[in-house]
């Protein structure tokens, strides 16, 4: 069995100001607070003697590797992100950062927000700009029908509202 994974397409470099601040705060916390704490714990565990049978030392080293991996990822990702702070000039169409109210064939409505790939959150109904739903919604306007391929088959929605905040 191979561990090879085909390369993925890079995620869109767009992010909201709040999303950028959240990622930056995570980076600062990991680098300035969490990593020094774990480093101190590893040093104390190493001072206890035999490292081969020292679970605290082994676990601490693993934590440091995970922290360092996340810090590297965040540092590189924050460098390439573009913060989108203004709403588009044409607010009648769906673009990045839009809140879109959709109605399905049964008359049920739901509201989604199109955000960057690094900040999507299903609980808040935030979808990635790279998702099939967002790609189908982009550049559409109110009363347009949108068809999206879902795991359960094709679904149709009508755009009943578009708004931008901030």
N, C-alpha and C. Protein backbone atom coordinates (compact mmCIF):
# COMPACT_ATOMS: atom_id res chain seq x y z
N UNK A 1 0.84 -1.18 0.00
CA UNK A 1 0.00 0.00 0.00
C UNK A 1 0.89 1.24 0.00
N UNK A 2 0.62 2.14 -0.89
CA UNK A 2 1.42 3.33 -1.07
C UNK A 2 0.90 4.49 -0.21
N UNK A 3 1.78 5.35 0.21
CA UNK A 3 1.39 6.54 0.96
C UNK A 3 1.29 7.75 0.05
N UNK A 4 1.45 7.55 -1.25
CA UNK A 4 1.40 8.64 -2.20
C UNK A 4 0.00 9.26 -2.24
N UNK A 5 -0.03 10.56 -2.23
CA UNK A 5 -1.28 11.29 -2.41
C UNK A 5 -1.07 12.26 -3.56
N UNK A 6 -1.99 12.29 -4.50
CA UNK A 6 -1.82 13.24 -5.60
C UNK A 6 -1.86 14.67 -5.08
N UNK A 7 -1.11 15.57 -5.70
CA UNK A 7 -1.11 16.95 -5.22
C UNK A 7 -2.48 17.59 -5.35
N UNK A 8 -2.84 18.38 -4.36
CA UNK A 8 -4.12 19.07 -4.38
C UNK A 8 -3.94 20.45 -4.98
N UNK A 9 -4.99 20.94 -5.56
CA UNK A 9 -4.96 22.30 -6.08
C UNK A 9 -4.83 23.26 -4.89
N UNK A 10 -4.04 24.31 -5.04
CA UNK A 10 -3.89 25.23 -3.92
C UNK A 10 -5.21 25.93 -3.61
N UNK A 11 -5.43 26.17 -2.33
CA UNK A 11 -6.65 26.85 -1.90
C UNK A 11 -6.59 28.32 -2.32
N UNK A 12 -7.74 28.91 -2.49
CA UNK A 12 -7.80 30.32 -2.85
C UNK A 12 -7.10 31.16 -1.80
N UNK A 13 -6.40 32.21 -2.21
CA UNK A 13 -5.64 33.01 -1.25
C UNK A 13 -6.45 34.10 -0.56
N UNK A 14 -7.78 34.05 -0.64
CA UNK A 14 -8.59 35.11 -0.07
C UNK A 14 -9.06 34.76 1.33
N UNK A 15 -9.17 35.81 2.16
CA UNK A 15 -9.60 35.63 3.54
C UNK A 15 -10.20 36.94 4.03
N UNK A 16 -11.12 36.84 4.98
CA UNK A 16 -11.69 38.04 5.57
C UNK A 16 -10.72 38.58 6.62
N UNK A 17 -10.90 39.82 7.02
CA UNK A 17 -10.03 40.41 8.05
C UNK A 17 -10.12 39.62 9.35
N UNK A 18 -11.33 39.24 9.76
CA UNK A 18 -11.50 38.48 11.01
C UNK A 18 -10.79 37.13 10.92
N UNK A 19 -10.87 36.46 9.78
CA UNK A 19 -10.20 35.18 9.60
C UNK A 19 -8.69 35.32 9.66
N UNK A 20 -8.17 36.38 9.04
CA UNK A 20 -6.73 36.63 9.07
C UNK A 20 -6.26 36.89 10.51
N UNK A 21 -7.02 37.70 11.24
CA UNK A 21 -6.65 37.99 12.63
C UNK A 21 -6.69 36.73 13.49
N UNK A 22 -7.65 35.85 13.24
CA UNK A 22 -7.75 34.62 14.01
C UNK A 22 -6.55 33.71 13.75
N UNK A 23 -6.15 33.57 12.47
CA UNK A 23 -4.98 32.75 12.16
C UNK A 23 -3.70 33.35 12.72
N UNK A 24 -3.59 34.67 12.65
CA UNK A 24 -2.41 35.34 13.19
C UNK A 24 -2.36 35.19 14.71
N UNK A 25 -3.51 35.28 15.38
CA UNK A 25 -3.54 35.09 16.84
C UNK A 25 -3.14 33.66 17.21
N UNK A 26 -3.58 32.69 16.41
CA UNK A 26 -3.18 31.30 16.66
C UNK A 26 -1.67 31.14 16.52
N UNK A 27 -1.10 31.74 15.48
CA UNK A 27 0.34 31.68 15.27
C UNK A 27 1.10 32.30 16.45
N UNK A 28 0.66 33.47 16.88
CA UNK A 28 1.32 34.14 18.01
C UNK A 28 1.21 33.32 19.29
N UNK A 29 0.04 32.73 19.54
CA UNK A 29 -0.14 31.90 20.73
C UNK A 29 0.79 30.69 20.69
N UNK A 30 0.81 30.00 19.55
CA UNK A 30 1.67 28.82 19.44
C UNK A 30 3.14 29.17 19.62
N UNK A 31 3.58 30.26 19.01
CA UNK A 31 4.99 30.62 19.03
C UNK A 31 5.43 31.22 20.35
N UNK A 32 4.61 32.07 20.93
CA UNK A 32 5.04 32.81 22.13
C UNK A 32 4.58 32.21 23.45
N UNK A 33 3.54 31.38 23.43
CA UNK A 33 3.02 30.84 24.67
C UNK A 33 3.18 29.32 24.72
N UNK A 34 2.54 28.64 23.78
CA UNK A 34 2.49 27.18 23.85
C UNK A 34 3.85 26.50 23.64
N UNK A 35 4.61 26.95 22.66
CA UNK A 35 5.90 26.32 22.39
C UNK A 35 6.87 26.48 23.56
N UNK A 36 7.00 27.68 24.17
CA UNK A 36 7.88 27.78 25.34
C UNK A 36 7.43 26.89 26.51
N UNK A 37 6.12 26.74 26.71
CA UNK A 37 5.63 25.87 27.78
C UNK A 37 6.06 24.42 27.53
N UNK A 38 5.86 23.95 26.32
CA UNK A 38 6.20 22.56 25.99
C UNK A 38 7.71 22.37 26.03
N UNK A 39 8.46 23.35 25.57
CA UNK A 39 9.93 23.26 25.60
C UNK A 39 10.41 23.12 27.04
N UNK A 40 9.84 23.91 27.94
CA UNK A 40 10.19 23.82 29.36
C UNK A 40 9.87 22.43 29.92
N UNK A 41 8.70 21.90 29.57
CA UNK A 41 8.30 20.57 30.05
C UNK A 41 9.24 19.49 29.51
N UNK A 42 9.67 19.61 28.25
CA UNK A 42 10.59 18.64 27.67
C UNK A 42 11.95 18.72 28.36
N UNK A 43 12.40 19.93 28.64
CA UNK A 43 13.68 20.09 29.33
C UNK A 43 13.64 19.47 30.73
N UNK A 44 12.53 19.66 31.43
CA UNK A 44 12.39 19.06 32.77
C UNK A 44 12.36 17.54 32.67
N UNK A 45 11.64 17.01 31.68
CA UNK A 45 11.57 15.56 31.51
C UNK A 45 12.94 14.99 31.13
N UNK A 46 13.70 15.72 30.31
CA UNK A 46 15.03 15.25 29.90
C UNK A 46 15.98 15.22 31.09
N UNK A 47 15.78 16.11 32.03
CA UNK A 47 16.66 16.17 33.20
C UNK A 47 16.44 15.00 34.15
N UNK A 48 15.36 14.26 33.96
CA UNK A 48 15.06 13.14 34.85
C UNK A 48 15.90 11.91 34.56
N UNK A 49 16.62 11.92 33.46
CA UNK A 49 17.50 10.78 33.19
C UNK A 49 17.17 10.07 31.90
N UNK A 50 17.02 8.75 31.96
CA UNK A 50 16.87 7.89 30.80
C UNK A 50 15.68 8.33 29.93
N UNK A 51 16.01 8.81 28.75
CA UNK A 51 14.98 9.35 27.87
C UNK A 51 14.22 8.25 27.13
N UNK A 52 14.80 7.09 26.98
CA UNK A 52 14.16 6.03 26.20
C UNK A 52 12.90 5.50 26.88
N UNK A 53 12.81 5.60 28.19
CA UNK A 53 11.63 5.11 28.91
C UNK A 53 10.86 6.25 29.57
N UNK A 54 11.10 7.45 29.11
CA UNK A 54 10.48 8.62 29.72
C UNK A 54 9.31 9.07 28.84
N UNK A 55 8.08 8.76 29.26
CA UNK A 55 6.89 9.06 28.47
C UNK A 55 6.67 10.57 28.32
N UNK A 56 6.97 11.33 29.39
CA UNK A 56 6.78 12.79 29.32
C UNK A 56 7.71 13.40 28.26
N UNK A 57 8.92 12.90 28.20
CA UNK A 57 9.88 13.39 27.22
C UNK A 57 9.41 13.06 25.80
N UNK A 58 9.03 11.80 25.58
CA UNK A 58 8.59 11.36 24.25
C UNK A 58 7.35 12.13 23.80
N UNK A 59 6.37 12.28 24.70
CA UNK A 59 5.15 13.00 24.36
C UNK A 59 5.44 14.48 24.12
N UNK A 60 6.31 15.07 24.92
CA UNK A 60 6.67 16.48 24.74
C UNK A 60 7.35 16.73 23.41
N UNK A 61 8.24 15.83 23.00
CA UNK A 61 8.90 15.97 21.70
C UNK A 61 7.87 15.87 20.57
N UNK A 62 6.90 14.98 20.73
CA UNK A 62 5.85 14.85 19.72
C UNK A 62 5.03 16.14 19.64
N UNK A 63 4.69 16.70 20.79
CA UNK A 63 3.95 17.96 20.81
C UNK A 63 4.75 19.07 20.13
N UNK A 64 6.05 19.13 20.39
CA UNK A 64 6.88 20.16 19.75
C UNK A 64 6.87 20.01 18.23
N UNK A 65 6.94 18.79 17.74
CA UNK A 65 6.89 18.58 16.29
C UNK A 65 5.56 19.05 15.71
N UNK A 66 4.46 18.76 16.40
CA UNK A 66 3.14 19.19 15.92
C UNK A 66 3.02 20.72 15.95
N UNK A 67 3.51 21.33 17.00
CA UNK A 67 3.48 22.80 17.10
C UNK A 67 4.33 23.42 16.00
N UNK A 68 5.53 22.89 15.81
CA UNK A 68 6.42 23.43 14.77
C UNK A 68 5.82 23.27 13.38
N UNK A 69 5.16 22.14 13.13
CA UNK A 69 4.52 21.93 11.84
C UNK A 69 3.41 22.96 11.61
N UNK A 70 2.60 23.20 12.63
CA UNK A 70 1.50 24.17 12.50
C UNK A 70 2.05 25.60 12.35
N UNK A 71 3.11 25.93 13.08
CA UNK A 71 3.72 27.26 12.98
C UNK A 71 4.27 27.47 11.56
N UNK A 72 4.94 26.45 11.01
CA UNK A 72 5.44 26.56 9.64
C UNK A 72 4.31 26.78 8.65
N UNK A 73 3.24 25.99 8.79
CA UNK A 73 2.10 26.13 7.90
C UNK A 73 1.50 27.53 8.00
N UNK A 74 1.23 27.99 9.22
CA UNK A 74 0.60 29.30 9.40
C UNK A 74 1.49 30.42 8.88
N UNK A 75 2.79 30.33 9.13
CA UNK A 75 3.70 31.37 8.66
C UNK A 75 3.68 31.47 7.14
N UNK A 76 3.76 30.33 6.47
CA UNK A 76 3.74 30.34 5.01
C UNK A 76 2.38 30.78 4.48
N UNK A 77 1.31 30.31 5.10
CA UNK A 77 -0.04 30.62 4.61
C UNK A 77 -0.36 32.10 4.79
N UNK A 78 0.00 32.68 5.93
CA UNK A 78 -0.30 34.09 6.17
C UNK A 78 0.44 34.99 5.19
N UNK A 79 1.60 34.55 4.71
CA UNK A 79 2.37 35.34 3.74
C UNK A 79 1.67 35.44 2.38
N UNK A 80 0.90 34.42 2.01
CA UNK A 80 0.29 34.42 0.68
C UNK A 80 -1.18 34.85 0.67
N UNK A 81 -1.77 35.01 1.84
CA UNK A 81 -3.19 35.37 1.91
C UNK A 81 -3.42 36.83 1.52
N UNK A 82 -4.55 37.07 0.88
CA UNK A 82 -4.99 38.41 0.52
C UNK A 82 -6.25 38.70 1.32
N UNK A 83 -6.19 39.74 2.15
CA UNK A 83 -7.34 40.11 2.98
C UNK A 83 -8.32 40.92 2.13
N UNK A 84 -9.56 40.45 2.07
CA UNK A 84 -10.61 41.16 1.34
C UNK A 84 -11.42 41.93 2.37
N UNK A 85 -11.29 43.24 2.34
CA UNK A 85 -11.93 44.06 3.37
C UNK A 85 -13.14 44.83 2.87
N UNK A 86 -13.22 45.05 1.57
CA UNK A 86 -14.33 45.85 1.06
C UNK A 86 -15.31 44.98 0.29
N UNK A 87 -16.56 45.37 0.36
CA UNK A 87 -17.59 44.69 -0.43
C UNK A 87 -17.40 45.10 -1.89
N UNK A 88 -17.83 44.28 -2.81
CA UNK A 88 -17.67 44.62 -4.22
C UNK A 88 -18.54 45.81 -4.61
N UNK A 89 -18.19 46.43 -5.71
CA UNK A 89 -18.96 47.58 -6.18
C UNK A 89 -20.37 47.15 -6.58
N UNK A 90 -20.51 45.97 -7.17
CA UNK A 90 -21.82 45.47 -7.58
C UNK A 90 -22.34 44.54 -6.49
N UNK A 91 -23.13 45.08 -5.59
CA UNK A 91 -23.65 44.29 -4.47
C UNK A 91 -24.87 43.46 -4.84
N UNK A 92 -25.28 43.50 -6.08
CA UNK A 92 -26.44 42.71 -6.50
C UNK A 92 -26.02 41.30 -6.93
N UNK A 93 -24.72 41.06 -7.01
CA UNK A 93 -24.21 39.74 -7.39
C UNK A 93 -23.47 39.10 -6.22
N UNK A 94 -23.31 37.79 -6.30
CA UNK A 94 -22.63 37.03 -5.25
C UNK A 94 -21.13 37.02 -5.51
N UNK A 95 -20.39 37.53 -4.54
CA UNK A 95 -18.93 37.49 -4.59
C UNK A 95 -18.42 37.06 -3.22
N UNK A 96 -17.11 37.03 -3.08
CA UNK A 96 -16.47 36.65 -1.82
C UNK A 96 -17.01 37.51 -0.67
N UNK A 97 -17.31 36.88 0.45
CA UNK A 97 -17.79 37.59 1.64
C UNK A 97 -19.29 37.78 1.70
N UNK A 98 -20.01 37.34 0.68
CA UNK A 98 -21.46 37.55 0.63
C UNK A 98 -22.20 36.59 1.55
N UNK A 99 -23.28 37.09 2.13
CA UNK A 99 -24.26 36.25 2.81
C UNK A 99 -25.33 35.99 1.78
N UNK A 100 -25.59 34.72 1.47
CA UNK A 100 -26.54 34.37 0.42
C UNK A 100 -27.67 33.55 1.04
N UNK A 101 -28.90 34.04 0.83
CA UNK A 101 -30.07 33.30 1.31
C UNK A 101 -30.61 32.48 0.15
N UNK A 102 -30.72 31.16 0.39
CA UNK A 102 -31.15 30.23 -0.64
C UNK A 102 -32.47 29.57 -0.25
N UNK A 103 -33.25 29.25 -1.26
CA UNK A 103 -34.50 28.52 -1.04
C UNK A 103 -34.45 27.27 -1.92
N UNK A 104 -34.79 26.11 -1.33
CA UNK A 104 -34.78 24.88 -2.12
C UNK A 104 -36.17 24.62 -2.69
N UNK A 105 -36.32 23.49 -3.37
CA UNK A 105 -37.59 23.16 -4.03
C UNK A 105 -38.73 22.97 -3.05
N UNK A 106 -38.42 22.61 -1.80
CA UNK A 106 -39.45 22.41 -0.78
C UNK A 106 -39.85 23.71 -0.10
N UNK A 107 -39.18 24.81 -0.42
CA UNK A 107 -39.49 26.09 0.20
C UNK A 107 -38.68 26.38 1.45
N UNK A 108 -37.80 25.46 1.83
CA UNK A 108 -36.95 25.67 3.00
C UNK A 108 -35.83 26.65 2.63
N UNK A 109 -35.52 27.56 3.54
CA UNK A 109 -34.46 28.53 3.28
C UNK A 109 -33.29 28.29 4.20
N UNK A 110 -32.13 28.69 3.72
CA UNK A 110 -30.92 28.66 4.54
C UNK A 110 -30.00 29.77 4.04
N UNK A 111 -29.19 30.25 4.96
CA UNK A 111 -28.28 31.34 4.64
C UNK A 111 -26.85 30.85 4.77
N UNK A 112 -26.04 31.12 3.76
CA UNK A 112 -24.63 30.73 3.73
C UNK A 112 -23.78 31.97 3.54
N UNK A 113 -22.56 31.91 4.05
CA UNK A 113 -21.59 32.98 3.80
C UNK A 113 -20.40 32.38 3.07
N UNK A 114 -19.94 33.07 2.05
CA UNK A 114 -18.79 32.61 1.27
C UNK A 114 -17.53 33.24 1.85
N UNK A 115 -16.64 32.40 2.38
CA UNK A 115 -15.41 32.86 3.03
C UNK A 115 -14.22 32.10 2.44
N UNK A 116 -13.03 32.42 2.94
CA UNK A 116 -11.82 31.77 2.48
C UNK A 116 -11.72 30.32 2.92
N UNK A 117 -10.86 29.58 2.24
CA UNK A 117 -10.69 28.15 2.53
C UNK A 117 -10.16 27.91 3.94
N UNK A 118 -9.48 28.91 4.51
CA UNK A 118 -8.89 28.74 5.84
C UNK A 118 -9.86 29.07 6.98
N UNK A 119 -11.06 29.53 6.65
CA UNK A 119 -11.96 29.96 7.71
C UNK A 119 -13.37 29.39 7.60
N UNK A 120 -13.58 28.42 6.72
CA UNK A 120 -14.93 27.87 6.61
C UNK A 120 -15.34 27.22 7.92
N UNK A 121 -16.64 27.27 8.23
CA UNK A 121 -17.15 26.73 9.48
C UNK A 121 -18.59 26.26 9.26
N UNK A 122 -18.82 24.97 9.17
CA UNK A 122 -20.17 24.46 8.92
C UNK A 122 -21.18 24.88 9.99
N UNK A 123 -20.74 24.99 11.24
CA UNK A 123 -21.67 25.38 12.31
C UNK A 123 -22.21 26.79 12.12
N UNK A 124 -21.40 27.68 11.57
CA UNK A 124 -21.83 29.06 11.34
C UNK A 124 -22.39 29.24 9.93
N UNK A 125 -22.44 28.14 9.14
CA UNK A 125 -22.91 28.17 7.76
C UNK A 125 -21.98 28.99 6.87
N UNK A 126 -20.70 28.92 7.14
CA UNK A 126 -19.68 29.56 6.31
C UNK A 126 -19.13 28.48 5.40
N UNK A 127 -19.13 28.75 4.09
CA UNK A 127 -18.61 27.77 3.14
C UNK A 127 -17.38 28.35 2.44
N UNK A 128 -16.50 27.47 2.04
CA UNK A 128 -15.27 27.88 1.37
C UNK A 128 -15.59 28.37 -0.04
N UNK A 129 -14.87 29.38 -0.45
CA UNK A 129 -15.02 29.91 -1.81
C UNK A 129 -14.64 28.85 -2.84
N UNK A 130 -13.90 27.83 -2.43
CA UNK A 130 -13.49 26.75 -3.32
C UNK A 130 -14.50 25.61 -3.39
N UNK A 131 -15.54 25.64 -2.56
CA UNK A 131 -16.52 24.54 -2.53
C UNK A 131 -17.40 24.56 -3.78
N UNK A 132 -17.96 23.41 -4.14
CA UNK A 132 -18.84 23.37 -5.31
C UNK A 132 -20.04 24.33 -5.18
N UNK A 133 -20.60 24.44 -3.99
CA UNK A 133 -21.73 25.34 -3.78
C UNK A 133 -21.33 26.79 -4.03
N UNK A 134 -20.20 27.21 -3.47
CA UNK A 134 -19.76 28.59 -3.66
C UNK A 134 -19.43 28.86 -5.12
N UNK A 135 -18.76 27.92 -5.77
CA UNK A 135 -18.44 28.12 -7.18
C UNK A 135 -19.71 28.27 -8.02
N UNK A 136 -20.77 27.52 -7.66
CA UNK A 136 -22.03 27.63 -8.39
C UNK A 136 -22.71 28.98 -8.12
N UNK A 137 -22.50 29.52 -6.92
CA UNK A 137 -23.16 30.78 -6.55
C UNK A 137 -22.46 32.02 -7.08
N UNK A 138 -21.15 31.96 -7.25
CA UNK A 138 -20.39 33.16 -7.63
C UNK A 138 -20.93 33.79 -8.91
N UNK A 139 -21.06 35.11 -8.86
CA UNK A 139 -21.52 35.98 -9.95
C UNK A 139 -23.00 35.84 -10.28
N UNK A 140 -23.73 35.05 -9.50
CA UNK A 140 -25.17 34.96 -9.70
C UNK A 140 -25.83 36.14 -8.98
N UNK A 141 -27.11 36.38 -9.31
CA UNK A 141 -27.83 37.46 -8.65
C UNK A 141 -29.16 36.95 -8.14
N UNK A 142 -29.89 37.82 -7.47
CA UNK A 142 -31.15 37.46 -6.87
C UNK A 142 -32.10 36.88 -7.93
N UNK A 143 -32.86 35.87 -7.51
CA UNK A 143 -33.84 35.15 -8.34
C UNK A 143 -33.21 34.21 -9.36
N UNK A 144 -31.88 34.06 -9.36
CA UNK A 144 -31.24 33.08 -10.24
C UNK A 144 -31.38 31.68 -9.64
N UNK A 145 -31.49 30.69 -10.51
CA UNK A 145 -31.51 29.31 -10.05
C UNK A 145 -30.08 28.78 -10.09
N UNK A 146 -29.72 28.03 -9.07
CA UNK A 146 -28.39 27.46 -8.96
C UNK A 146 -28.52 25.95 -8.83
N UNK A 147 -27.79 25.23 -9.67
CA UNK A 147 -27.78 23.77 -9.59
C UNK A 147 -26.41 23.33 -9.09
N UNK A 148 -26.45 22.46 -8.07
CA UNK A 148 -25.21 21.99 -7.45
C UNK A 148 -25.24 20.48 -7.38
N UNK A 149 -24.13 19.87 -7.76
CA UNK A 149 -24.00 18.42 -7.66
C UNK A 149 -23.64 18.07 -6.22
N UNK A 150 -24.48 17.29 -5.55
CA UNK A 150 -24.24 16.88 -4.17
C UNK A 150 -24.07 15.37 -4.14
N UNK A 151 -23.60 14.82 -3.02
CA UNK A 151 -23.48 13.36 -2.94
C UNK A 151 -24.81 12.63 -3.16
N UNK A 152 -25.92 13.30 -2.84
CA UNK A 152 -27.23 12.69 -3.03
C UNK A 152 -27.84 12.96 -4.39
N UNK A 153 -27.09 13.60 -5.28
CA UNK A 153 -27.60 13.94 -6.60
C UNK A 153 -27.61 15.44 -6.79
N UNK A 154 -28.18 15.88 -7.88
CA UNK A 154 -28.20 17.31 -8.18
C UNK A 154 -29.29 17.99 -7.35
N UNK A 155 -28.94 19.16 -6.81
CA UNK A 155 -29.89 19.94 -6.01
C UNK A 155 -30.05 21.31 -6.66
N UNK A 156 -31.26 21.84 -6.59
CA UNK A 156 -31.55 23.16 -7.15
C UNK A 156 -31.91 24.12 -6.03
N UNK A 157 -31.42 25.33 -6.13
CA UNK A 157 -31.71 26.38 -5.17
C UNK A 157 -31.99 27.66 -5.93
N UNK A 158 -32.75 28.55 -5.29
CA UNK A 158 -32.99 29.87 -5.84
C UNK A 158 -32.43 30.89 -4.87
N UNK A 159 -31.76 31.87 -5.39
CA UNK A 159 -31.19 32.93 -4.56
C UNK A 159 -32.30 33.91 -4.23
N UNK A 160 -32.60 34.06 -2.95
CA UNK A 160 -33.66 34.99 -2.54
C UNK A 160 -33.11 36.24 -1.86
N UNK A 161 -31.82 36.24 -1.55
CA UNK A 161 -31.24 37.42 -0.93
C UNK A 161 -29.73 37.37 -0.94
N UNK A 162 -29.13 38.56 -1.10
CA UNK A 162 -27.67 38.72 -1.06
C UNK A 162 -27.37 39.94 -0.22
N UNK A 163 -26.45 39.80 0.73
CA UNK A 163 -26.05 40.97 1.51
C UNK A 163 -24.57 40.89 1.87
N UNK A 164 -24.00 42.04 2.12
CA UNK A 164 -22.60 42.14 2.53
C UNK A 164 -22.58 42.92 3.83
N UNK A 165 -21.70 42.51 4.73
CA UNK A 165 -21.56 43.21 6.01
C UNK A 165 -20.16 43.75 6.15
N UNK A 166 -20.06 44.83 6.90
CA UNK A 166 -18.75 45.38 7.23
C UNK A 166 -18.18 46.11 6.11
